[in-house]
Amino acid sequence: MGDSAKEFYQELKPLNGNFDPEALRVSSLSLNDLQTNGATPADTMSRFRDWVSDVCREKKAVFVGFNAVFDWSFVNWYFHEFLGSNPFGHGAIDIKSYYMGLWRTTWNETRSSRLDANFQPHLQKTHNALDDAKAQAEIFDKLLKWNNG
């Protein structure tokens, strides 16, 4: 595992005017603010790649997420579009699937609100990417510790 004390967060300039109004509402982001204050995707993805390399050092980077398929698809596209490769490769660990296997439960029972209380994160869901990543890391850490006894 990488050093969880290190953090990476960056808001990007929009690529175009296409957006999902519900996603903007939930995230509390503004297209105008992002256009003015967001970083360019190429610079951000370069810094993200360097951050991943620094955190993982010589170990293989593994993308982990709560519904990793959703998040990985965006991250993968941005890495390939702006850098030509993805430091995570073509795989990821999905926390929901891991939980489903450990608890022998159904997919519907893997929603974050339905996780066993022992695996709930201390951080509240804010829909800020960094806050959500920290909460997901906490969930995964608890699952790994539980599974390893």
N, C-alpha and C. Protein backbone atom coordinates (compact mmCIF):
# COMPACT_ATOMS: atom_id res chain seq x y z
N MET A 1 0.84 -1.19 0.00
CA MET A 1 0.00 0.00 0.00
C MET A 1 0.88 1.25 0.00
N GLY A 2 0.35 2.29 -0.53
CA GLY A 2 1.06 3.56 -0.56
C GLY A 2 0.97 4.27 0.77
N ASP A 3 1.58 5.40 0.85
CA ASP A 3 1.58 6.23 2.05
C ASP A 3 0.28 7.03 2.09
N SER A 4 -0.64 6.62 2.97
CA SER A 4 -1.95 7.28 3.00
C SER A 4 -1.89 8.69 3.55
N ALA A 5 -0.75 9.09 4.12
CA ALA A 5 -0.61 10.45 4.62
C ALA A 5 -0.42 11.45 3.48
N LYS A 6 -0.05 10.96 2.31
CA LYS A 6 0.11 11.84 1.15
C LYS A 6 -1.21 11.96 0.44
N GLU A 7 -1.48 13.13 -0.10
CA GLU A 7 -2.75 13.37 -0.78
C GLU A 7 -2.52 14.05 -2.11
N PHE A 8 -3.43 13.78 -3.03
CA PHE A 8 -3.43 14.46 -4.32
C PHE A 8 -4.86 14.89 -4.62
N TYR A 9 -5.04 16.15 -4.92
CA TYR A 9 -6.36 16.66 -5.28
C TYR A 9 -6.17 17.81 -6.25
N GLN A 10 -6.94 17.79 -7.31
CA GLN A 10 -6.89 18.88 -8.29
C GLN A 10 -8.23 18.96 -8.99
N GLU A 11 -8.72 20.16 -9.17
CA GLU A 11 -9.92 20.38 -9.97
C GLU A 11 -9.48 20.79 -11.37
N LEU A 12 -10.14 20.22 -12.37
CA LEU A 12 -9.75 20.42 -13.77
C LEU A 12 -10.60 21.45 -14.48
N LYS A 13 -9.98 22.12 -15.44
CA LYS A 13 -10.74 22.95 -16.37
C LYS A 13 -11.63 22.02 -17.20
N PRO A 14 -12.84 22.41 -17.47
CA PRO A 14 -13.70 21.58 -18.32
C PRO A 14 -13.13 21.48 -19.74
N LEU A 15 -13.33 20.34 -20.35
CA LEU A 15 -12.87 20.14 -21.73
C LEU A 15 -13.83 20.78 -22.72
N ASN A 16 -15.10 20.90 -22.30
CA ASN A 16 -16.13 21.46 -23.17
C ASN A 16 -17.31 21.87 -22.29
N GLY A 17 -18.41 22.24 -22.90
CA GLY A 17 -19.59 22.68 -22.14
C GLY A 17 -20.55 21.56 -21.78
N ASN A 18 -20.20 20.33 -22.09
CA ASN A 18 -21.07 19.20 -21.75
C ASN A 18 -20.94 18.87 -20.27
N PHE A 19 -22.05 18.69 -19.61
CA PHE A 19 -22.00 18.33 -18.19
C PHE A 19 -23.32 17.71 -17.78
N ASP A 20 -23.28 17.03 -16.66
CA ASP A 20 -24.47 16.42 -16.07
C ASP A 20 -24.91 17.35 -14.94
N PRO A 21 -26.04 18.02 -15.07
CA PRO A 21 -26.47 18.97 -14.03
C PRO A 21 -26.55 18.35 -12.64
N GLU A 22 -26.98 17.09 -12.56
CA GLU A 22 -27.08 16.43 -11.25
C GLU A 22 -25.69 16.23 -10.64
N ALA A 23 -24.71 15.88 -11.46
CA ALA A 23 -23.34 15.70 -10.95
C ALA A 23 -22.79 17.02 -10.41
N LEU A 24 -23.04 18.11 -11.11
CA LEU A 24 -22.58 19.41 -10.62
C LEU A 24 -23.28 19.78 -9.31
N ARG A 25 -24.57 19.51 -9.23
CA ARG A 25 -25.31 19.84 -8.02
C ARG A 25 -24.76 19.06 -6.83
N VAL A 26 -24.58 17.75 -7.01
CA VAL A 26 -24.10 16.89 -5.92
C VAL A 26 -22.70 17.29 -5.48
N SER A 27 -21.85 17.64 -6.42
CA SER A 27 -20.46 17.97 -6.10
C SER A 27 -20.27 19.41 -5.63
N SER A 28 -21.28 20.22 -5.81
CA SER A 28 -21.19 21.66 -5.48
C SER A 28 -20.12 22.38 -6.30
N LEU A 29 -19.80 21.85 -7.47
CA LEU A 29 -18.83 22.50 -8.34
C LEU A 29 -19.56 23.42 -9.32
N SER A 30 -18.83 24.40 -9.83
CA SER A 30 -19.37 25.35 -10.80
C SER A 30 -18.50 25.31 -12.05
N LEU A 31 -19.13 25.18 -13.22
CA LEU A 31 -18.37 25.19 -14.46
C LEU A 31 -17.59 26.49 -14.62
N ASN A 32 -18.20 27.60 -14.24
CA ASN A 32 -17.51 28.89 -14.36
C ASN A 32 -16.27 28.93 -13.47
N ASP A 33 -16.40 28.47 -12.23
CA ASP A 33 -15.25 28.44 -11.32
C ASP A 33 -14.17 27.51 -11.84
N LEU A 34 -14.58 26.35 -12.34
CA LEU A 34 -13.60 25.40 -12.87
C LEU A 34 -12.90 25.95 -14.10
N GLN A 35 -13.63 26.64 -14.95
CA GLN A 35 -13.02 27.24 -16.13
C GLN A 35 -12.00 28.29 -15.74
N THR A 36 -12.29 29.05 -14.69
CA THR A 36 -11.38 30.11 -14.23
C THR A 36 -10.24 29.57 -13.39
N ASN A 37 -10.53 28.66 -12.47
CA ASN A 37 -9.54 28.23 -11.48
C ASN A 37 -9.01 26.82 -11.66
N GLY A 38 -9.64 26.05 -12.53
CA GLY A 38 -9.22 24.66 -12.72
C GLY A 38 -7.88 24.57 -13.44
N ALA A 39 -7.19 23.48 -13.20
CA ALA A 39 -5.90 23.23 -13.84
C ALA A 39 -6.12 22.53 -15.18
N THR A 40 -5.14 22.63 -16.06
CA THR A 40 -5.27 21.95 -17.34
C THR A 40 -5.14 20.44 -17.12
N PRO A 41 -5.91 19.66 -17.85
CA PRO A 41 -5.84 18.21 -17.68
C PRO A 41 -4.43 17.64 -17.92
N ALA A 42 -3.72 18.12 -18.92
CA ALA A 42 -2.38 17.58 -19.21
C ALA A 42 -1.44 17.79 -18.02
N ASP A 43 -1.42 19.00 -17.46
CA ASP A 43 -0.56 19.27 -16.31
C ASP A 43 -0.98 18.44 -15.10
N THR A 44 -2.29 18.35 -14.89
CA THR A 44 -2.80 17.60 -13.74
C THR A 44 -2.46 16.12 -13.86
N MET A 45 -2.67 15.53 -15.02
CA MET A 45 -2.42 14.10 -15.17
C MET A 45 -0.92 13.81 -15.04
N SER A 46 -0.09 14.72 -15.48
CA SER A 46 1.36 14.56 -15.29
C SER A 46 1.72 14.58 -13.81
N ARG A 47 1.14 15.53 -13.07
CA ARG A 47 1.39 15.60 -11.62
C ARG A 47 0.80 14.39 -10.92
N PHE A 48 -0.37 13.91 -11.36
CA PHE A 48 -1.00 12.73 -10.77
C PHE A 48 -0.11 11.50 -10.98
N ARG A 49 0.38 11.32 -12.22
CA ARG A 49 1.28 10.20 -12.51
C ARG A 49 2.52 10.25 -11.62
N ASP A 50 3.10 11.44 -11.46
CA ASP A 50 4.29 11.58 -10.61
C ASP A 50 3.97 11.29 -9.16
N TRP A 51 2.79 11.70 -8.70
CA TRP A 51 2.36 11.44 -7.33
C TRP A 51 2.21 9.93 -7.11
N VAL A 52 1.56 9.25 -8.06
CA VAL A 52 1.39 7.79 -7.95
C VAL A 52 2.76 7.12 -7.86
N SER A 53 3.68 7.53 -8.71
CA SER A 53 5.03 6.96 -8.71
C SER A 53 5.73 7.21 -7.37
N ASP A 54 5.59 8.40 -6.84
CA ASP A 54 6.23 8.74 -5.56
C ASP A 54 5.64 7.93 -4.41
N VAL A 55 4.33 7.78 -4.39
CA VAL A 55 3.67 7.05 -3.31
C VAL A 55 3.99 5.56 -3.38
N CYS A 56 3.97 5.01 -4.59
CA CYS A 56 4.18 3.57 -4.74
C CYS A 56 5.65 3.17 -4.76
N ARG A 57 6.50 4.12 -5.05
CA ARG A 57 7.93 3.87 -5.21
C ARG A 57 8.13 2.77 -6.24
N GLU A 58 8.78 1.68 -5.87
CA GLU A 58 9.05 0.61 -6.84
C GLU A 58 7.92 -0.42 -6.94
N LYS A 59 6.89 -0.28 -6.12
CA LYS A 59 5.78 -1.24 -6.14
C LYS A 59 4.78 -0.91 -7.25
N LYS A 60 4.02 -1.91 -7.66
CA LYS A 60 2.99 -1.75 -8.69
C LYS A 60 1.84 -0.91 -8.15
N ALA A 61 1.45 0.11 -8.88
CA ALA A 61 0.31 0.94 -8.49
C ALA A 61 -0.97 0.15 -8.76
N VAL A 62 -1.88 0.17 -7.80
CA VAL A 62 -3.16 -0.52 -7.94
C VAL A 62 -4.27 0.50 -7.67
N PHE A 63 -5.18 0.63 -8.61
CA PHE A 63 -6.32 1.53 -8.46
C PHE A 63 -7.36 0.82 -7.60
N VAL A 64 -7.78 1.46 -6.50
CA VAL A 64 -8.78 0.89 -5.60
C VAL A 64 -9.89 1.91 -5.46
N GLY A 65 -11.13 1.46 -5.60
CA GLY A 65 -12.24 2.40 -5.47
C GLY A 65 -13.54 1.70 -5.11
N PHE A 66 -14.43 2.49 -4.54
CA PHE A 66 -15.77 1.99 -4.21
C PHE A 66 -16.62 2.20 -5.45
N ASN A 67 -16.80 1.16 -6.19
CA ASN A 67 -17.30 1.14 -7.55
C ASN A 67 -16.18 1.63 -8.47
N ALA A 68 -15.09 0.87 -8.40
CA ALA A 68 -13.87 1.21 -9.14
C ALA A 68 -14.10 1.34 -10.63
N VAL A 69 -15.01 0.57 -11.18
CA VAL A 69 -15.27 0.61 -12.62
C VAL A 69 -15.63 2.03 -13.06
N PHE A 70 -16.46 2.69 -12.28
CA PHE A 70 -16.90 4.04 -12.62
C PHE A 70 -15.72 5.02 -12.58
N ASP A 71 -15.03 5.08 -11.45
CA ASP A 71 -13.93 6.03 -11.29
C ASP A 71 -12.75 5.72 -12.21
N TRP A 72 -12.39 4.43 -12.31
CA TRP A 72 -11.25 4.04 -13.12
C TRP A 72 -11.46 4.43 -14.58
N SER A 73 -12.68 4.31 -15.09
CA SER A 73 -12.91 4.62 -16.50
C SER A 73 -12.57 6.07 -16.81
N PHE A 74 -12.90 6.98 -15.92
CA PHE A 74 -12.55 8.40 -16.13
C PHE A 74 -11.05 8.62 -15.99
N VAL A 75 -10.47 8.08 -14.94
CA VAL A 75 -9.03 8.24 -14.72
C VAL A 75 -8.24 7.64 -15.89
N ASN A 76 -8.64 6.46 -16.32
CA ASN A 76 -7.96 5.80 -17.44
C ASN A 76 -8.05 6.65 -18.71
N TRP A 77 -9.24 7.17 -19.00
CA TRP A 77 -9.39 7.99 -20.21
C TRP A 77 -8.49 9.21 -20.14
N TYR A 78 -8.49 9.92 -19.03
CA TYR A 78 -7.65 11.12 -18.90
C TYR A 78 -6.17 10.79 -19.02
N PHE A 79 -5.72 9.70 -18.38
CA PHE A 79 -4.30 9.33 -18.51
C PHE A 79 -3.96 9.04 -19.96
N HIS A 80 -4.76 8.27 -20.66
CA HIS A 80 -4.45 7.92 -22.04
C HIS A 80 -4.59 9.11 -22.97
N GLU A 81 -5.59 9.91 -22.76
CA GLU A 81 -5.80 11.08 -23.62
C GLU A 81 -4.68 12.10 -23.50
N PHE A 82 -4.18 12.32 -22.28
CA PHE A 82 -3.22 13.40 -22.07
C PHE A 82 -1.78 12.94 -21.86
N LEU A 83 -1.57 11.66 -21.51
CA LEU A 83 -0.20 11.17 -21.31
C LEU A 83 0.13 9.94 -22.14
N GLY A 84 -0.88 9.28 -22.67
CA GLY A 84 -0.63 8.10 -23.50
C GLY A 84 -0.55 6.78 -22.76
N SER A 85 -0.58 6.83 -21.43
CA SER A 85 -0.55 5.59 -20.65
C SER A 85 -1.11 5.85 -19.26
N ASN A 86 -1.48 4.76 -18.61
CA ASN A 86 -2.08 4.82 -17.28
C ASN A 86 -1.17 4.08 -16.30
N PRO A 87 -0.66 4.75 -15.26
CA PRO A 87 0.24 4.08 -14.32
C PRO A 87 -0.42 2.94 -13.54
N PHE A 88 -1.74 2.90 -13.53
CA PHE A 88 -2.46 1.83 -12.85
C PHE A 88 -2.64 0.61 -13.74
N GLY A 89 -2.40 0.76 -15.05
CA GLY A 89 -2.61 -0.35 -15.96
C GLY A 89 -4.09 -0.57 -16.23
N HIS A 90 -4.44 -1.82 -16.49
CA HIS A 90 -5.81 -2.14 -16.89
C HIS A 90 -6.59 -2.88 -15.83
N GLY A 91 -6.25 -2.70 -14.60
CA GLY A 91 -6.96 -3.41 -13.55
C GLY A 91 -7.20 -2.51 -12.35
N ALA A 92 -8.11 -2.98 -11.51
CA ALA A 92 -8.44 -2.24 -10.30
C ALA A 92 -9.05 -3.21 -9.29
N ILE A 93 -9.03 -2.81 -8.05
CA ILE A 93 -9.73 -3.56 -7.01
C ILE A 93 -10.98 -2.76 -6.68
N ASP A 94 -12.11 -3.45 -6.80
CA ASP A 94 -13.38 -2.81 -6.49
C ASP A 94 -13.77 -3.17 -5.07
N ILE A 95 -13.90 -2.17 -4.21
CA ILE A 95 -14.22 -2.39 -2.80
C ILE A 95 -15.59 -3.04 -2.65
N LYS A 96 -16.54 -2.64 -3.45
CA LYS A 96 -17.89 -3.22 -3.38
C LYS A 96 -17.83 -4.73 -3.66
N SER A 97 -17.09 -5.13 -4.68
CA SER A 97 -16.96 -6.55 -5.02
C SER A 97 -16.22 -7.31 -3.92
N TYR A 98 -15.19 -6.68 -3.37
CA TYR A 98 -14.43 -7.30 -2.29
C TYR A 98 -15.35 -7.54 -1.08
N TYR A 99 -16.12 -6.54 -0.73
CA TYR A 99 -17.08 -6.67 0.38
C TYR A 99 -18.10 -7.77 0.08
N MET A 100 -18.60 -7.79 -1.13
CA MET A 100 -19.60 -8.78 -1.54
C MET A 100 -19.06 -10.20 -1.36
N GLY A 101 -17.81 -10.40 -1.75
CA GLY A 101 -17.19 -11.71 -1.61
C GLY A 101 -16.95 -12.10 -0.16
N LEU A 102 -16.46 -11.15 0.64
CA LEU A 102 -16.19 -11.44 2.04
C LEU A 102 -17.45 -11.78 2.82
N TRP A 103 -18.50 -11.00 2.56
CA TRP A 103 -19.73 -11.14 3.33
C TRP A 103 -20.75 -12.05 2.65
N ARG A 104 -20.43 -12.55 1.44
CA ARG A 104 -21.34 -13.42 0.69
C ARG A 104 -22.73 -12.79 0.62
N THR A 105 -22.72 -11.57 0.13
CA THR A 105 -23.95 -10.78 0.07
C THR A 105 -24.29 -10.47 -1.38
N THR A 106 -25.38 -9.79 -1.59
CA THR A 106 -25.78 -9.41 -2.95
C THR A 106 -25.19 -8.06 -3.31
N TRP A 107 -25.20 -7.78 -4.61
CA TRP A 107 -24.68 -6.49 -5.08
C TRP A 107 -25.45 -5.32 -4.45
N ASN A 108 -26.76 -5.43 -4.34
CA ASN A 108 -27.57 -4.36 -3.74
C ASN A 108 -27.17 -4.07 -2.30
N GLU A 109 -26.66 -5.07 -1.61
CA GLU A 109 -26.28 -4.88 -0.21
C GLU A 109 -24.87 -4.31 -0.07
N THR A 110 -24.24 -3.92 -1.19
CA THR A 110 -22.90 -3.34 -1.11
C THR A 110 -22.91 -1.82 -1.18
N ARG A 111 -24.08 -1.22 -1.22
CA ARG A 111 -24.13 0.26 -1.19
C ARG A 111 -23.47 0.74 0.09
N SER A 112 -22.82 1.87 0.03
CA SER A 112 -22.09 2.36 1.20
C SER A 112 -22.98 2.51 2.43
N SER A 113 -24.22 2.88 2.23
CA SER A 113 -25.14 3.06 3.35
C SER A 113 -25.54 1.73 3.99
N ARG A 114 -25.30 0.63 3.28
CA ARG A 114 -25.72 -0.68 3.79
C ARG A 114 -24.56 -1.52 4.30
N LEU A 115 -23.34 -0.98 4.26
CA LEU A 115 -22.20 -1.73 4.78
C LEU A 115 -22.37 -1.96 6.27
N ASP A 116 -21.85 -3.08 6.74
CA ASP A 116 -21.84 -3.37 8.16
C ASP A 116 -21.22 -2.18 8.90
N ALA A 117 -21.73 -1.87 10.09
CA ALA A 117 -21.26 -0.72 10.87
C ALA A 117 -19.76 -0.76 11.13
N ASN A 118 -19.18 -1.95 11.23
CA ASN A 118 -17.73 -2.07 11.48
C ASN A 118 -16.88 -1.51 10.35
N PHE A 119 -17.47 -1.37 9.18
CA PHE A 119 -16.71 -0.92 8.01
C PHE A 119 -17.07 0.50 7.56
N GLN A 120 -17.98 1.11 8.27
CA GLN A 120 -18.34 2.49 7.92
C GLN A 120 -17.17 3.42 8.21
N PRO A 121 -16.89 4.36 7.32
CA PRO A 121 -15.80 5.30 7.57
C PRO A 121 -16.21 6.37 8.58
N HIS A 122 -15.22 6.93 9.25
CA HIS A 122 -15.48 8.03 10.17
C HIS A 122 -15.82 9.31 9.40
N LEU A 123 -15.24 9.44 8.21
CA LEU A 123 -15.49 10.63 7.39
C LEU A 123 -16.89 10.56 6.78
N GLN A 124 -17.56 11.68 6.75
CA GLN A 124 -18.88 11.76 6.15
C GLN A 124 -18.75 11.93 4.64
N LYS A 125 -19.71 11.40 3.91
CA LYS A 125 -19.73 11.51 2.45
C LYS A 125 -20.00 12.97 2.07
N THR A 126 -19.08 13.57 1.33
CA THR A 126 -19.23 14.97 0.92
C THR A 126 -19.34 15.12 -0.60
N HIS A 127 -19.00 14.09 -1.34
CA HIS A 127 -18.90 14.13 -2.80
C HIS A 127 -17.75 15.00 -3.27
N ASN A 128 -16.84 15.34 -2.37
CA ASN A 128 -15.56 15.93 -2.76
C ASN A 128 -14.65 14.75 -3.04
N ALA A 129 -13.95 14.77 -4.16
CA ALA A 129 -13.16 13.62 -4.58
C ALA A 129 -12.13 13.20 -3.53
N LEU A 130 -11.45 14.15 -2.90
CA LEU A 130 -10.44 13.80 -1.90
C LEU A 130 -11.09 13.22 -0.65
N ASP A 131 -12.16 13.84 -0.17
CA ASP A 131 -12.86 13.32 1.01
C ASP A 131 -13.39 11.92 0.74
N ASP A 132 -13.98 11.72 -0.43
CA ASP A 132 -14.51 10.40 -0.77
C ASP A 132 -13.40 9.36 -0.89
N ALA A 133 -12.26 9.74 -1.45
CA ALA A 133 -11.13 8.82 -1.57
C ALA A 133 -10.62 8.41 -0.18
N LYS A 134 -10.56 9.36 0.73
CA LYS A 134 -10.12 9.04 2.10
C LYS A 134 -11.11 8.09 2.78
N ALA A 135 -12.39 8.33 2.61
CA ALA A 135 -13.41 7.46 3.20
C ALA A 135 -13.32 6.05 2.59
N GLN A 136 -13.13 5.98 1.27
CA GLN A 136 -13.01 4.69 0.62
C GLN A 136 -11.76 3.94 1.09
N ALA A 137 -10.66 4.67 1.27
CA ALA A 137 -9.43 4.05 1.78
C ALA A 137 -9.66 3.49 3.18
N GLU A 138 -10.40 4.21 3.99
CA GLU A 138 -10.69 3.74 5.35
C GLU A 138 -11.53 2.47 5.31
N ILE A 139 -12.54 2.43 4.46
CA ILE A 139 -13.37 1.24 4.32
C ILE A 139 -12.51 0.05 3.89
N PHE A 140 -11.69 0.25 2.88
CA PHE A 140 -10.86 -0.84 2.36
C PHE A 140 -9.86 -1.32 3.41
N ASP A 141 -9.26 -0.39 4.12
CA ASP A 141 -8.32 -0.76 5.19
C ASP A 141 -9.01 -1.61 6.25
N LYS A 142 -10.21 -1.23 6.64
CA LYS A 142 -10.97 -2.00 7.63
C LYS A 142 -11.30 -3.40 7.10
N LEU A 143 -11.68 -3.49 5.83
CA LEU A 143 -11.99 -4.79 5.24
C LEU A 143 -10.75 -5.68 5.20
N LEU A 144 -9.61 -5.11 4.80
CA LEU A 144 -8.37 -5.89 4.76
C LEU A 144 -7.98 -6.40 6.15
N LYS A 145 -8.08 -5.52 7.14
CA LYS A 145 -7.75 -5.93 8.51
C LYS A 145 -8.69 -7.01 9.01
N TRP A 146 -9.97 -6.87 8.71
CA TRP A 146 -10.95 -7.89 9.14
C TRP A 146 -10.65 -9.22 8.46
N ASN A 147 -10.36 -9.18 7.16
CA ASN A 147 -10.10 -10.39 6.40
C ASN A 147 -8.81 -11.09 6.84
N ASN A 148 -7.83 -10.31 7.26
CA ASN A 148 -6.54 -10.88 7.66
C ASN A 148 -6.48 -11.23 9.14
N GLY A 149 -7.62 -11.09 9.82
CA GLY A 149 -7.74 -11.49 11.22
C GLY A 149 -7.05 -10.58 12.14
